[in-house]
Amino acid sequence: MVSFWRPAATGVASILAGVGAGELVSSLFAQNGSPVLVVGAAVIDLVPGWLKEAVISVFGTQDKTVLIVSLALVLLIAGALAGWLESLRPPVGRILIALGGALGVLAALTRSGASVLDAVPSAVAAIVAILVLGALARMLRGTAPTRVAPSGAVSRRRFLVATGATAAGGAIAVAIGQVVSSGYRAAAAARAAFHLPKAAVAAPPIPAGASFDIAGLSPIITPNADFYRIDTALQIPGIDPSTWRLRIHGLVEDEIELSFAELLKLPLEESITTLTCVSNEVGGNLISNATWLGYPIRHLLARAKPKSNADMVLSKSQDGWTASTPIEALTDERNAILAVGMNGQPLPLEHGYPVRMVVPGLYGYVSATKWVVDLEVTRFDRATSYWTDRGWSQRGPVKLESRIDVPAAGRQVTAGTVAIAGVAWSQHVGVSAVHVQIDDGPWEQADIADAISVDTWRQWKYAWNAEKGRHTIRVRATDAKGRVQTSAVADVVPNGATGLHQISVTVS
């Protein structure tokens, strides 16, 4: 019986060496071709929507970390298997690695905007892993005693040192490649040196009564570090603002190309807007509110002069992601902007630096393109976007929702007056009332904080005279048009979840 662990070690070391070589080549010559990231992106593209939603619901904004760690584990397990198979029946292990490399090449070539150069890192990774596995497998066979060389032609210590050094070198190369690739550090340095211009039009002051002082209640403005992040970018694009360009084309009379410097010279406007992810479940936290600085997209479209038959704008990210936005949401009175600032700071890299879109009233999958570089004026019957290709609806207006923040679900509270509080939203429509229900009792009106605008969430609170026992608390909102939040339960697919948020608490 052939031992498993030493052959497995040769496979793991070979995979680390190959991936390390591929990551170094990617960092130097093909920043969009990282073997790990192109395969990860392919996984994101190929897995069914229900699985994506399940991962997001369990891991939230850590979903990408979970995916990368999972991919790393799969690679190491596959490497161990390849090493074992190579020891049993060469060259089966090397063939297995070659097949994996071919999948990496295919994943790189099928990405949006890919070139042949993007496939080189995956090809290099496979070639290096195959050569290393062959060498280590031969060395391992040389440690076995034979009639000719009873003590083994190669000492086991020498084999272990070679295998360990190969694995360590590969791991170091992976780390170096990940740090160097994509220009992340350069982009971070450019952002650190960037000073936001002053707004030509400042946002109206936040009313003094817009926020309640209740511990645990979501702040009316979400700090940048706490702002939710959901996107398909495994690696944050590192964009040099001096080379950034936005092209507006398609069904227009005049095409426009805009540089970052030209954008900053325009009269920028400040606005406060709540953004929501369509993956936000009832009571979920994939929603945040910020003060944005940018230039209204409607002014740029007016310069481009869209043709009368255009009904959609297909926006494209630097990494190839696309969103299809109804053209009326970019040309009406709402402040849909190309944002360069967030809460008084340059856009964080993970939130779209140097430029992203912010569109009030629409879920992010059809509007909030980060790292935006292209706006194509077109039609819904001519073009589709990343998520609509995967079964989500073409138009994604944000639904009327409300959430309980305080007390936390499952919390034990003391009998007497207990503060119940949370937030409610109906972006670009506004919230007019919030009601709370205890167990199956009547709906009681809650106090709502002053509105900042129809494009932001509102805080609410209710003073509950809590009696001992276990209780269920529900909340529902009414929008500015008098429509009451539905109790009908719907999944996030295809255009956002519905239902009433409820929690259970114990009163002692």
Protein backbone atom coordinates (compact mmCIF):
# COMPACT_ATOMS: atom_id res chain seq x y z
CA MET A 1 0.00 0.00 0.00
CA VAL A 2 1.44 3.35 -1.06
CA SER A 3 1.62 5.93 1.75
CA PHE A 4 -0.75 8.84 1.18
CA TRP A 5 0.78 11.74 3.07
CA ARG A 6 4.17 12.13 1.41
CA PRO A 7 2.76 11.91 -2.14
CA ALA A 8 0.00 14.31 -1.07
CA ALA A 9 2.65 16.74 0.18
CA THR A 10 4.29 16.73 -3.27
CA GLY A 11 0.95 17.66 -4.84
CA VAL A 12 0.24 20.45 -2.34
CA ALA A 13 3.73 21.89 -2.81
CA SER A 14 3.33 21.72 -6.59
CA ILE A 15 0.01 23.59 -6.48
CA LEU A 16 1.47 26.29 -4.24
CA ALA A 17 4.47 26.67 -6.54
CA GLY A 18 2.26 26.86 -9.63
CA VAL A 19 -0.25 29.31 -8.21
CA GLY A 20 2.59 31.42 -6.82
CA ALA A 21 4.22 31.61 -10.24
CA GLY A 22 0.88 32.47 -11.84
CA GLU A 23 0.20 35.24 -9.33
CA LEU A 24 3.66 36.76 -9.92
CA VAL A 25 3.17 36.70 -13.70
CA SER A 26 -0.27 38.26 -13.24
CA SER A 27 1.12 41.06 -11.06
CA LEU A 28 3.78 41.91 -13.63
CA PHE A 29 2.07 41.42 -16.98
CA ALA A 30 -1.66 40.65 -16.70
CA GLN A 31 -3.31 42.23 -13.68
CA ASN A 32 -6.74 40.89 -14.66
CA GLY A 33 -5.46 37.32 -15.02
CA SER A 34 -4.83 36.22 -11.42
CA PRO A 35 -5.47 32.43 -11.49
CA VAL A 36 -7.27 32.45 -8.14
CA LEU A 37 -9.41 35.46 -8.95
CA VAL A 38 -10.43 34.47 -12.48
CA VAL A 39 -11.56 31.08 -11.21
CA GLY A 40 -13.33 32.76 -8.30
CA ALA A 41 -15.10 35.13 -10.67
CA ALA A 42 -16.15 32.20 -12.82
CA VAL A 43 -17.57 30.47 -9.76
CA ILE A 44 -19.56 33.60 -8.89
CA ASP A 45 -20.89 33.74 -12.44
CA LEU A 46 -21.81 30.06 -12.65
CA VAL A 47 -23.33 29.19 -9.29
CA PRO A 48 -27.14 29.43 -9.19
CA GLY A 49 -28.77 32.51 -7.73
CA TRP A 50 -30.28 30.64 -4.78
CA LEU A 51 -26.82 29.54 -3.69
CA LYS A 52 -25.45 33.09 -3.94
CA GLU A 53 -28.31 34.31 -1.78
CA ALA A 54 -27.75 31.53 0.74
CA VAL A 55 -24.06 32.44 1.05
CA ILE A 56 -24.85 36.15 1.43
CA SER A 57 -27.55 35.43 4.02
CA VAL A 58 -25.11 33.36 6.11
CA PHE A 59 -21.86 35.27 5.66
CA GLY A 60 -23.04 38.76 4.61
CA THR A 61 -20.22 41.02 3.45
CA GLN A 62 -17.64 38.31 4.23
CA ASP A 63 -18.90 36.22 1.31
CA LYS A 64 -15.82 36.91 -0.84
CA THR A 65 -13.43 35.95 1.93
CA VAL A 66 -15.34 32.71 2.36
CA LEU A 67 -15.16 32.04 -1.39
CA ILE A 68 -11.41 32.69 -1.60
CA VAL A 69 -10.70 30.50 1.44
CA SER A 70 -12.93 27.78 -0.02
CA LEU A 71 -11.12 27.97 -3.36
CA ALA A 72 -7.77 27.72 -1.60
CA LEU A 73 -8.92 24.61 0.28
CA VAL A 74 -10.23 23.03 -2.92
CA LEU A 75 -6.91 23.73 -4.67
CA LEU A 76 -4.91 22.20 -1.83
CA ILE A 77 -7.15 19.13 -1.66
CA ALA A 78 -6.96 18.73 -5.43
CA GLY A 79 -3.19 19.08 -5.22
CA ALA A 80 -2.98 16.39 -2.55
CA LEU A 81 -5.10 14.09 -4.73
CA ALA A 82 -2.93 14.82 -7.77
CA GLY A 83 0.23 13.99 -5.82
CA TRP A 84 -1.21 10.71 -4.58
CA LEU A 85 -2.43 9.71 -8.05
CA GLU A 86 0.97 10.59 -9.52
CA SER A 87 2.66 8.22 -7.09
CA LEU A 88 0.25 5.42 -7.97
CA ARG A 89 0.00 5.77 -11.72
CA PRO A 90 2.10 8.50 -13.34
CA PRO A 91 1.33 10.79 -15.16
CA VAL A 92 -2.29 10.83 -13.92
CA GLY A 93 -1.54 13.49 -11.30
CA ARG A 94 0.06 15.79 -13.87
CA ILE A 95 -2.88 15.26 -16.21
CA LEU A 96 -5.24 16.30 -13.42
CA ILE A 97 -3.26 19.51 -12.91
CA ALA A 98 -3.28 20.15 -16.66
CA LEU A 99 -7.07 19.87 -16.67
CA GLY A 100 -7.26 22.34 -13.80
CA GLY A 101 -4.99 24.72 -15.68
CA ALA A 102 -7.19 24.44 -18.75
CA LEU A 103 -10.20 25.43 -16.64
CA GLY A 104 -8.26 28.43 -15.36
CA VAL A 105 -7.36 29.47 -18.92
CA LEU A 106 -11.00 29.10 -19.97
CA ALA A 107 -12.17 31.15 -16.97
CA ALA A 108 -9.71 33.92 -17.84
CA LEU A 109 -10.67 34.04 -21.54
CA THR A 110 -14.42 34.13 -20.89
CA ARG A 111 -14.35 37.15 -18.57
CA SER A 112 -15.81 40.38 -19.90
CA GLY A 113 -13.18 42.36 -21.80
CA ALA A 114 -10.58 39.57 -21.51
CA SER A 115 -7.55 39.32 -23.76
CA VAL A 116 -5.28 36.37 -24.57
CA LEU A 117 -2.71 37.82 -22.16
CA ASP A 118 -5.14 37.29 -19.27
CA ALA A 119 -4.89 33.52 -19.81
CA VAL A 120 -1.08 33.45 -19.51
CA PRO A 121 -0.93 33.38 -15.66
CA SER A 122 -3.20 30.33 -15.44
CA ALA A 123 -1.18 28.58 -18.15
CA VAL A 124 2.08 29.39 -16.33
CA ALA A 125 0.60 28.15 -13.06
CA ALA A 126 -0.31 24.79 -14.63
CA ILE A 127 3.05 24.36 -16.35
CA VAL A 128 5.05 25.14 -13.22
CA ALA A 129 2.86 22.87 -11.07
CA ILE A 130 3.25 20.01 -13.58
CA LEU A 131 7.06 20.38 -13.72
CA VAL A 132 7.39 20.64 -9.94
CA LEU A 133 5.12 17.64 -9.34
CA GLY A 134 7.18 15.59 -11.79
CA ALA A 135 10.42 16.55 -10.06
CA LEU A 136 9.14 15.95 -6.52
CA ALA A 137 7.51 12.65 -7.50
CA ARG A 138 10.81 11.42 -8.91
CA MET A 139 12.60 12.51 -5.77
CA LEU A 140 10.00 10.70 -3.63
CA ARG A 141 10.47 7.51 -5.61
CA GLY A 142 14.21 7.89 -5.04
CA THR A 143 13.74 7.66 -1.29
CA ALA A 144 12.37 4.12 -1.55
CA PRO A 145 14.96 1.38 -0.80
CA THR A 146 15.87 -0.86 -3.75
CA ARG A 147 18.16 -3.82 -4.29
CA VAL A 148 20.64 -1.54 -6.03
CA ALA A 149 20.49 1.21 -3.39
CA PRO A 150 19.15 -0.22 -0.10
CA SER A 151 19.37 3.10 1.72
CA GLY A 152 17.59 5.04 -1.06
CA ALA A 153 19.23 7.25 -3.68
CA VAL A 154 17.74 10.34 -2.08
CA SER A 155 17.45 10.77 1.67
CA ARG A 156 14.01 11.35 3.10
CA ARG A 157 15.33 14.45 4.85
CA ARG A 158 16.42 15.91 1.54
CA PHE A 159 13.00 15.15 0.07
CA LEU A 160 11.18 16.81 3.00
CA VAL A 161 13.41 19.89 2.79
CA ALA A 162 12.82 20.21 -0.95
CA THR A 163 9.06 19.75 -0.59
CA GLY A 164 8.80 22.18 2.31
CA ALA A 165 10.93 24.81 0.57
CA THR A 166 8.84 24.50 -2.58
CA ALA A 167 5.60 24.94 -0.64
CA ALA A 168 6.94 27.90 1.32
CA GLY A 169 8.29 29.55 -1.83
CA GLY A 170 4.95 29.12 -3.55
CA ALA A 171 3.04 30.58 -0.60
CA ILE A 172 5.36 33.59 -0.49
CA ALA A 173 4.97 34.12 -4.23
CA VAL A 174 1.17 34.02 -3.87
CA ALA A 175 1.33 36.67 -1.15
CA ILE A 176 3.65 38.90 -3.18
CA GLY A 177 1.54 38.57 -6.30
CA GLN A 178 -1.66 39.43 -4.48
CA VAL A 179 -0.12 42.55 -2.94
CA VAL A 180 1.51 43.81 -6.11
CA SER A 181 -1.23 42.98 -8.61
CA SER A 182 -4.07 45.29 -9.60
CA GLY A 183 -2.30 48.48 -8.58
CA TYR A 184 -4.15 48.52 -5.27
CA ARG A 185 -1.35 50.27 -3.40
CA ALA A 186 -0.92 52.87 -6.11
CA ALA A 187 -4.65 53.58 -6.10
CA ALA A 188 -4.62 53.81 -2.31
CA ALA A 189 -1.75 56.29 -2.44
CA ALA A 190 -3.55 58.37 -5.08
CA ARG A 191 -6.68 58.40 -2.96
CA ALA A 192 -4.71 59.43 0.14
CA ALA A 193 -3.27 62.39 -1.76
CA PHE A 194 -6.63 63.41 -3.25
CA HIS A 195 -8.53 66.33 -1.73
CA LEU A 196 -12.23 66.55 -2.45
CA PRO A 197 -13.29 69.77 -4.15
CA LYS A 198 -15.86 71.90 -2.40
CA ALA A 199 -19.46 71.26 -3.37
CA ALA A 200 -21.01 73.87 -5.64
CA VAL A 201 -24.36 72.82 -4.20
CA ALA A 202 -24.29 71.66 -0.58
CA ALA A 203 -26.77 69.16 0.81
CA PRO A 204 -29.50 70.72 2.95
CA PRO A 205 -28.66 70.57 6.66
CA ILE A 206 -29.85 67.44 8.46
CA PRO A 207 -32.82 68.42 10.66
CA ALA A 208 -32.14 68.36 14.39
CA GLY A 209 -35.05 65.98 14.82
CA ALA A 210 -33.84 63.47 12.21
CA SER A 211 -32.12 61.24 14.75
CA PHE A 212 -33.17 59.63 18.03
CA ASP A 213 -30.61 59.07 20.77
CA ILE A 214 -31.26 55.38 21.39
CA ALA A 215 -28.46 52.87 22.00
CA GLY A 216 -28.36 50.22 19.30
CA LEU A 217 -30.38 52.23 16.76
CA SER A 218 -28.70 52.55 13.35
CA PRO A 219 -27.15 56.02 13.00
CA ILE A 220 -28.85 58.27 10.48
CA ILE A 221 -25.55 58.52 8.53
CA THR A 222 -23.60 55.27 8.16
CA PRO A 223 -19.83 55.60 8.70
CA ASN A 224 -17.81 54.54 5.67
CA ALA A 225 -16.27 51.62 7.56
CA ASP A 226 -19.74 50.25 8.36
CA PHE A 227 -21.36 50.83 4.96
CA TYR A 228 -22.46 47.53 3.48
CA ARG A 229 -20.55 46.13 0.53
CA ILE A 230 -21.99 43.60 -1.92
CA ASP A 231 -20.44 43.22 -5.38
CA THR A 232 -18.81 40.60 -7.59
CA ALA A 233 -15.24 41.94 -7.37
CA LEU A 234 -13.00 39.44 -5.59
CA GLN A 235 -10.12 41.87 -6.01
CA ILE A 236 -10.77 45.58 -5.65
CA PRO A 237 -9.80 47.32 -8.90
CA GLY A 238 -6.83 49.62 -8.51
CA ILE A 239 -7.59 52.50 -10.88
CA ASP A 240 -5.15 55.33 -11.56
CA PRO A 241 -7.39 58.42 -11.53
CA SER A 242 -5.10 60.15 -14.05
CA THR A 243 -5.99 57.49 -16.63
CA TRP A 244 -9.69 57.08 -15.71
CA ARG A 245 -12.11 57.89 -18.51
CA LEU A 246 -15.89 57.72 -18.76
CA ARG A 247 -17.37 57.18 -22.19
CA ILE A 248 -21.03 57.99 -22.92
CA HIS A 249 -22.16 56.53 -26.24
CA GLY A 250 -24.81 54.44 -27.95
CA LEU A 251 -28.18 55.91 -28.87
CA VAL A 252 -26.97 59.50 -28.55
CA GLU A 253 -26.40 62.35 -30.95
CA ASP A 254 -23.08 63.34 -29.40
CA GLU A 255 -20.67 60.91 -27.78
CA ILE A 256 -18.85 62.16 -24.68
CA GLU A 257 -15.58 61.15 -23.06
CA LEU A 258 -14.78 62.59 -19.66
CA SER A 259 -11.55 62.46 -17.64
CA PHE A 260 -11.35 62.54 -13.86
CA ALA A 261 -9.83 66.02 -13.93
CA GLU A 262 -12.67 67.25 -16.16
CA LEU A 263 -15.26 65.69 -13.86
CA LEU A 264 -13.79 67.46 -10.84
CA LYS A 265 -14.00 70.83 -12.60
CA LEU A 266 -17.77 70.49 -12.99
CA PRO A 267 -20.09 72.02 -10.33
CA LEU A 268 -20.37 69.06 -7.98
CA GLU A 269 -23.45 68.58 -5.84
CA GLU A 270 -23.86 67.07 -2.40
CA SER A 271 -26.79 64.84 -1.53
CA ILE A 272 -27.80 62.32 1.12
CA THR A 273 -29.00 59.01 -0.31
CA THR A 274 -29.78 55.59 1.12
CA LEU A 275 -28.57 52.61 -0.89
CA THR A 276 -30.08 49.13 -0.61
CA CYS A 277 -29.02 45.76 -1.98
CA VAL A 278 -31.70 43.65 -3.63
CA SER A 279 -30.32 40.73 -1.62
CA ASN A 280 -31.40 42.42 1.62
CA GLU A 281 -33.78 40.08 3.40
CA VAL A 282 -36.62 41.38 5.54
CA GLY A 283 -34.92 42.82 8.62
CA GLY A 284 -31.50 42.57 6.96
CA ASN A 285 -28.57 44.98 7.19
CA LEU A 286 -27.63 45.35 3.51
CA ILE A 287 -28.76 48.97 3.57
CA SER A 288 -26.86 52.13 4.50
CA ASN A 289 -27.14 55.90 4.24
CA ALA A 290 -24.39 58.35 3.30
CA THR A 291 -23.67 61.88 2.16
CA TRP A 292 -22.40 61.75 -1.41
CA LEU A 293 -20.55 64.29 -3.55
CA GLY A 294 -20.82 64.08 -7.32
CA TYR A 295 -22.10 65.40 -10.60
CA PRO A 296 -25.67 64.79 -11.79
CA ILE A 297 -25.77 62.22 -14.57
CA ARG A 298 -28.78 63.97 -16.12
CA HIS A 299 -26.58 66.92 -17.09
CA LEU A 300 -24.09 64.68 -18.91
CA LEU A 301 -26.89 62.82 -20.68
CA ALA A 302 -28.40 66.14 -21.71
CA ARG A 303 -25.09 66.99 -23.37
CA ALA A 304 -25.02 63.62 -25.12
CA LYS A 305 -28.65 64.05 -26.31
CA PRO A 306 -30.16 60.55 -26.06
CA LYS A 307 -32.35 59.50 -28.98
CA SER A 308 -36.09 59.28 -28.42
CA ASN A 309 -36.21 55.48 -28.59
CA ALA A 310 -33.64 54.98 -25.79
CA ASP A 311 -35.08 53.61 -22.54
CA MET A 312 -32.04 52.23 -20.69
CA VAL A 313 -28.45 53.07 -19.81
CA LEU A 314 -26.05 50.14 -19.53
CA SER A 315 -23.28 51.10 -17.13
CA LYS A 316 -20.04 49.14 -17.01
CA SER A 317 -17.46 48.75 -14.28
CA GLN A 318 -13.73 48.63 -14.86
CA ASP A 319 -13.83 44.91 -14.02
CA GLY A 320 -16.56 44.19 -16.57
CA TRP A 321 -19.65 44.13 -14.33
CA THR A 322 -22.74 45.78 -15.84
CA ALA A 323 -26.03 47.29 -14.66
CA SER A 324 -29.09 48.27 -16.68
CA THR A 325 -30.73 51.45 -15.39
CA PRO A 326 -34.05 52.84 -16.68
CA ILE A 327 -33.12 56.07 -18.43
CA GLU A 328 -35.85 58.01 -16.63
CA ALA A 329 -34.11 57.36 -13.29
CA LEU A 330 -31.03 59.14 -14.68
CA THR A 331 -32.84 62.04 -16.32
CA ASP A 332 -35.64 63.00 -13.89
CA GLU A 333 -35.34 65.32 -10.89
CA ARG A 334 -33.74 62.79 -8.53
CA ASN A 335 -30.07 63.38 -7.86
CA ALA A 336 -28.56 60.39 -9.68
CA ILE A 337 -24.86 61.20 -9.67
CA LEU A 338 -21.36 60.16 -10.62
CA ALA A 339 -20.03 60.19 -7.06
CA VAL A 340 -16.44 61.00 -6.11
CA GLY A 341 -16.96 61.59 -2.38
CA MET A 342 -18.60 59.74 0.49
CA ASN A 343 -19.24 61.27 3.91
CA GLY A 344 -16.73 64.06 3.34
CA GLN A 345 -13.95 61.74 2.13
CA PRO A 346 -12.83 60.46 -1.27
CA LEU A 347 -14.68 57.29 -2.18
CA PRO A 348 -13.11 54.32 -0.39
CA LEU A 349 -11.48 51.91 -2.85
CA GLU A 350 -13.97 49.18 -1.97
CA HIS A 351 -16.87 51.54 -2.64
CA GLY A 352 -15.83 52.53 -6.15
CA TYR A 353 -12.85 54.91 -6.11
CA PRO A 354 -12.38 57.01 -8.13
CA VAL A 355 -15.97 57.20 -9.48
CA ARG A 356 -19.20 55.29 -8.90
CA MET A 357 -22.89 55.73 -9.61
CA VAL A 358 -25.45 56.59 -6.92
CA VAL A 359 -29.09 56.46 -8.02
CA PRO A 360 -31.88 57.06 -5.48
CA GLY A 361 -34.84 54.70 -5.52
CA LEU A 362 -33.31 51.69 -7.30
CA TYR A 363 -31.65 48.59 -5.92
CA GLY A 364 -27.92 48.52 -6.51
CA TYR A 365 -27.96 45.68 -9.04
CA VAL A 366 -29.55 48.02 -11.62
CA SER A 367 -27.90 51.27 -10.64
CA ALA A 368 -25.00 51.46 -8.20
CA THR A 369 -22.09 50.65 -10.52
CA LYS A 370 -18.74 51.01 -8.78
CA TRP A 371 -15.51 51.81 -10.63
CA VAL A 372 -17.72 52.97 -13.52
CA VAL A 373 -16.02 53.59 -16.88
CA ASP A 374 -18.76 53.34 -19.52
CA LEU A 375 -22.36 54.45 -20.04
CA GLU A 376 -24.07 53.05 -23.10
CA VAL A 377 -27.45 54.60 -23.91
CA THR A 378 -29.51 51.74 -25.32
CA ARG A 379 -32.75 49.80 -24.92
CA PHE A 380 -33.91 46.97 -22.67
CA ASP A 381 -34.78 44.89 -25.75
CA ARG A 382 -31.24 45.27 -27.11
CA ALA A 383 -28.98 44.80 -24.11
CA THR A 384 -28.92 42.94 -20.81
CA SER A 385 -26.78 43.25 -17.70
CA TYR A 386 -24.95 40.99 -15.27
CA TRP A 387 -27.86 40.20 -12.95
CA THR A 388 -30.69 40.35 -15.48
CA ASP A 389 -28.84 37.64 -17.40
CA ARG A 390 -29.17 35.57 -14.23
CA GLY A 391 -32.93 35.84 -13.85
CA TRP A 392 -33.41 39.06 -11.92
CA SER A 393 -35.96 41.60 -13.11
CA GLN A 394 -34.99 44.39 -15.49
CA ARG A 395 -36.18 47.22 -13.25
CA GLY A 396 -35.46 47.24 -9.55
CA PRO A 397 -37.39 49.94 -7.67
CA VAL A 398 -36.73 49.80 -3.93
CA LYS A 399 -39.65 48.39 -1.98
CA LEU A 400 -41.27 49.86 1.12
CA GLU A 401 -39.64 48.19 4.13
CA SER A 402 -39.03 48.64 7.85
CA ARG A 403 -36.73 47.04 10.40
CA ILE A 404 -36.49 46.62 14.17
CA ASP A 405 -33.03 47.46 15.54
CA VAL A 406 -33.86 47.71 19.26
CA PRO A 407 -34.25 45.46 21.18
CA ALA A 408 -32.20 42.82 19.41
CA ALA A 409 -33.94 39.57 18.50
CA GLY A 410 -33.91 37.06 21.35
CA ARG A 411 -32.90 39.69 23.89
CA GLN A 412 -34.15 39.62 27.47
CA VAL A 413 -35.51 42.96 28.71
CA THR A 414 -36.87 44.19 32.03
CA ALA A 415 -40.57 44.73 32.56
CA GLY A 416 -41.69 48.35 32.34
CA THR A 417 -41.16 50.93 29.63
CA VAL A 418 -38.98 49.46 26.85
CA ALA A 419 -37.81 51.41 23.81
CA ILE A 420 -38.53 49.72 20.49
CA ALA A 421 -36.78 51.46 17.59
CA GLY A 422 -35.56 50.98 14.06
CA VAL A 423 -35.53 52.39 10.56
CA ALA A 424 -37.98 52.47 7.65
CA TRP A 425 -37.42 53.33 4.00
CA SER A 426 -39.08 53.83 0.66
CA GLN A 427 -36.39 55.55 -1.40
CA HIS A 428 -37.53 58.29 -3.73
CA VAL A 429 -41.05 58.01 -2.30
CA GLY A 430 -40.61 58.64 1.42
CA VAL A 431 -42.08 57.21 4.62
CA SER A 432 -45.08 58.88 6.29
CA ALA A 433 -45.82 56.55 9.23
CA VAL A 434 -44.64 53.49 11.15
CA HIS A 435 -46.76 51.17 13.28
CA VAL A 436 -45.77 48.51 15.82
CA GLN A 437 -47.70 45.40 16.85
CA ILE A 438 -47.10 43.44 20.06
CA ASP A 439 -48.12 39.78 19.75
CA ASP A 440 -51.51 39.81 18.00
CA GLY A 441 -52.64 43.13 19.45
CA PRO A 442 -53.63 46.30 17.60
CA TRP A 443 -51.19 48.22 15.43
CA GLU A 444 -49.90 51.18 17.46
CA GLN A 445 -48.43 54.28 15.84
CA ALA A 446 -44.75 54.91 16.47
CA ASP A 447 -42.96 58.24 16.54
CA ILE A 448 -40.90 58.90 13.43
CA ALA A 449 -37.90 61.17 13.20
CA ASP A 450 -37.89 64.15 10.86
CA ALA A 451 -37.18 63.26 7.24
CA ILE A 452 -33.96 64.33 5.58
CA SER A 453 -35.46 63.72 2.14
CA VAL A 454 -37.57 61.17 0.29
CA ASP A 455 -34.33 59.45 -0.71
CA THR A 456 -33.23 58.51 2.82
CA TRP A 457 -34.41 56.17 5.54
CA ARG A 458 -36.18 57.44 8.66
CA GLN A 459 -35.68 56.40 12.23
CA TRP A 460 -38.70 55.50 14.37
CA LYS A 461 -39.36 54.63 18.02
CA TYR A 462 -42.14 53.29 20.21
CA ALA A 463 -42.45 53.24 24.00
CA TRP A 464 -43.69 49.78 24.99
CA ASN A 465 -45.15 49.01 28.41
CA ALA A 466 -43.63 45.53 28.57
CA GLU A 467 -45.16 42.83 30.72
CA LYS A 468 -43.45 39.62 31.83
CA GLY A 469 -43.40 36.75 29.38
CA ARG A 470 -42.29 36.00 25.84
CA HIS A 471 -43.55 38.41 23.19
CA THR A 472 -43.43 38.90 19.42
CA ILE A 473 -42.87 42.40 18.02
CA ARG A 474 -43.73 43.37 14.43
CA VAL A 475 -43.29 46.57 12.47
CA ARG A 476 -44.78 47.95 9.26
CA ALA A 477 -44.40 51.25 7.44
CA THR A 478 -46.63 53.46 5.31
CA ASP A 479 -45.15 55.44 2.47
CA ALA A 480 -45.76 59.04 1.45
CA LYS A 481 -48.41 57.90 -1.05
CA GLY A 482 -50.43 56.14 1.66
CA ARG A 483 -49.44 52.59 0.69
CA VAL A 484 -49.01 50.19 3.59
CA GLN A 485 -46.11 47.76 3.68
CA THR A 486 -47.27 44.32 2.59
CA SER A 487 -47.24 41.33 4.92
CA ALA A 488 -46.98 38.95 1.95
CA VAL A 489 -43.70 37.06 2.17
CA ALA A 490 -41.52 37.05 -0.96
CA ASP A 491 -37.92 36.00 -1.53
CA VAL A 492 -35.24 38.45 -2.65
CA VAL A 493 -35.33 36.92 -6.15
CA PRO A 494 -36.23 38.39 -8.62
CA ASN A 495 -36.68 41.97 -7.38
CA GLY A 496 -36.44 42.24 -3.61
CA ALA A 497 -37.90 40.63 -0.49
CA THR A 498 -41.21 41.55 1.12
CA GLY A 499 -42.87 40.75 4.43
CA LEU A 500 -42.98 42.22 7.93
CA HIS A 501 -39.95 42.15 10.19
CA GLN A 502 -40.66 40.54 13.53
CA ILE A 503 -38.59 39.57 16.54
CA SER A 504 -39.17 37.68 19.78
CA VAL A 505 -38.05 38.96 23.17
CA THR A 506 -38.39 37.77 26.75
CA VAL A 507 -39.53 40.20 29.44
CA SER A 508 -38.41 39.39 32.98
